[in-house]
C-alpha atoms as a PDB file:
ATOM      1  CA  MET A   1       8.652  54.493 -63.849  1.00  0.00           C
ATOM      2  CA  GLY A   2      11.611  52.304 -62.832  1.00  0.00           C
ATOM      3  CA  LYS A   3      13.330  49.615 -64.828  1.00  0.00           C
ATOM      4  CA  LEU A   4      12.038  46.104 -64.461  1.00  0.00           C
ATOM      5  CA  HIS A   5      14.848  43.599 -63.872  1.00  0.00           C
ATOM      6  CA  THR A   6      14.109  40.165 -65.231  1.00  0.00           C
ATOM      7  CA  ILE A   7      16.222  37.080 -65.582  1.00  0.00           C
ATOM      8  CA  SER A   8      15.614  35.669 -69.000  1.00  0.00           C
ATOM      9  CA  ARG A   9      16.050  31.998 -69.727  1.00  0.00           C
ATOM     10  CA  GLY A  10      19.675  31.153 -70.417  1.00  0.00           C
ATOM     11  CA  TYR A  11      21.123  34.373 -69.048  1.00  0.00           C
ATOM     12  CA  ARG A  12      22.013  35.440 -65.517  1.00  0.00           C
ATOM     13  CA  HIS A  13      21.855  38.968 -64.103  1.00  0.00           C
ATOM     14  CA  GLY A  14      21.723  40.685 -67.471  1.00  0.00           C
ATOM     15  CA  THR A  15      25.118  39.387 -68.584  1.00  0.00           C
ATOM     16  CA  ARG A  16      25.377  37.244 -71.661  1.00  0.00           C
ATOM     17  CA  ASN A  17      27.002  34.258 -69.907  1.00  0.00           C
ATOM     18  CA  LYS A  18      25.399  30.953 -70.720  1.00  0.00           C
ATOM     19  CA  LEU A  19      24.207  28.832 -67.824  1.00  0.00           C
ATOM     20  CA  HIS A  20      25.195  25.585 -69.524  1.00  0.00           C
ATOM     21  CA  THR A  21      27.325  24.439 -72.402  1.00  0.00           C
ATOM     22  CA  ILE A  22      25.794  22.858 -75.464  1.00  0.00           C
ATOM     23  CA  SER A  23      27.114  19.327 -75.730  1.00  0.00           C
ATOM     24  CA  ARG A  24      28.031  17.994 -79.141  1.00  0.00           C
ATOM     25  CA  GLY A  25      28.625  14.369 -78.291  1.00  0.00           C
ATOM     26  CA  TYR A  26      29.224  11.350 -80.470  1.00  0.00           C
ATOM     27  CA  ARG A  27      25.508  10.620 -80.982  1.00  0.00           C
ATOM     28  CA  HIS A  28      23.935  14.049 -80.500  1.00  0.00           C
ATOM     29  CA  GLY A  29      20.760  14.747 -82.457  1.00  0.00           C
ATOM     30  CA  THR A  30      19.955  11.077 -83.062  1.00  0.00           C
ATOM     31  CA  ARG A  31      16.908  10.635 -80.848  1.00  0.00           C
ATOM     32  CA  ASN A  32      14.611   9.599 -83.682  1.00  0.00           C
ATOM     33  CA  LYS A  33      17.273   8.408 -86.120  1.00  0.00           C
ATOM     34  CA  PHE A  34      18.477   5.520 -83.928  1.00  0.00           C
ATOM     35  CA  ALA A  35      15.099   4.751 -82.345  1.00  0.00           C
ATOM     36  CA  LYS A  36      13.400   1.471 -83.149  1.00  0.00           C
ATOM     37  CA  LYS A  37       9.925   1.517 -84.608  1.00  0.00           C
ATOM     38  CA  PHE A  38       6.794   0.809 -82.607  1.00  0.00           C
ATOM     39  CA  ARG A  39       6.381  -2.899 -81.685  1.00  0.00           C
ATOM     40  CA  SER A  40       9.781  -3.837 -83.077  1.00  0.00           C
ATOM     41  CA  LYS A  41      11.848  -3.761 -79.893  1.00  0.00           C
ATOM     42  CA  GLY A  42      14.459  -6.304 -78.949  1.00  0.00           C
ATOM     43  CA  LYS A  43      17.459  -7.974 -80.483  1.00  0.00           C
ATOM     44  CA  PRO A  44      17.531  -9.040 -84.159  1.00  0.00           C
ATOM     45  CA  GLY A  45      16.868 -12.653 -85.122  1.00  0.00           C
ATOM     46  CA  VAL A  46      19.418 -15.230 -86.202  1.00  0.00           C
ATOM     47  CA  SER A  47      18.427 -14.981 -89.864  1.00  0.00           C
ATOM     48  CA  ARG A  48      19.664 -11.398 -89.857  1.00  0.00           C
ATOM     49  CA  TYR A  49      23.212 -12.652 -89.307  1.00  0.00           C
ATOM     50  CA  LEU A  50      23.058 -15.753 -91.517  1.00  0.00           C
ATOM     51  CA  THR A  51      22.199 -14.094 -94.827  1.00  0.00           C
ATOM     52  CA  THR A  52      24.721 -14.785 -97.577  1.00  0.00           C
ATOM     53  CA  PHE A  53      25.825 -12.213-100.106  1.00  0.00           C
ATOM     54  CA  LYS A  54      27.642 -12.795-103.370  1.00  0.00           C
ATOM     55  CA  ARG A  55      30.416 -10.717-104.807  1.00  0.00           C
ATOM     56  CA  GLY A  56      28.941  -7.825-106.765  1.00  0.00           C
ATOM     57  CA  ASP A  57      25.668  -7.613-104.802  1.00  0.00           C
ATOM     58  CA  TYR A  58      24.478  -4.136-103.882  1.00  0.00           C
ATOM     59  CA  VAL A  59      23.724  -3.821-100.191  1.00  0.00           C
ATOM     60  CA  ASP A  60      22.520  -1.026 -97.929  1.00  0.00           C
ATOM     61  CA  ILE A  61      24.040  -0.729 -94.473  1.00  0.00           C
ATOM     62  CA  VAL A  62      21.194  -0.134 -92.032  1.00  0.00           C
ATOM     63  CA  VAL A  63      22.115   0.452 -88.402  1.00  0.00           C
ATOM     64  CA  ASP A  64      20.210  -1.629 -85.852  1.00  0.00           C
ATOM     65  CA  PRO A  65      19.770   0.508 -82.722  1.00  0.00           C
ATOM     66  CA  SER A  66      19.539  -2.523 -80.423  1.00  0.00           C
ATOM     67  CA  ILE A  67      23.216  -3.334 -81.148  1.00  0.00           C
ATOM     68  CA  GLN A  68      25.396  -0.333 -80.315  1.00  0.00           C
ATOM     69  CA  LYS A  69      28.755  -2.040 -80.826  1.00  0.00           C
ATOM     70  CA  GLY A  70      30.081  -1.490 -84.326  1.00  0.00           C
ATOM     71  CA  MET A  71      27.872   1.425 -85.344  1.00  0.00           C
ATOM     72  CA  PRO A  72      29.472   3.441 -88.143  1.00  0.00           C
END
């Protein structure tokens, strides 16, 4: 019985060379993290920008995915 030559996914001709490189970009792995919730698409309202905070207030920084400029 002869050997069966197969090309497995990710390898070519039995060598261990990868067909593609794995990209590790600036926002890799954030498909669900920076996605907006269902029925909440679009830009934020004006009241989001006009809230006033006093010195000593505790705030949470929540990233809005509809505005990409200035993401931490």
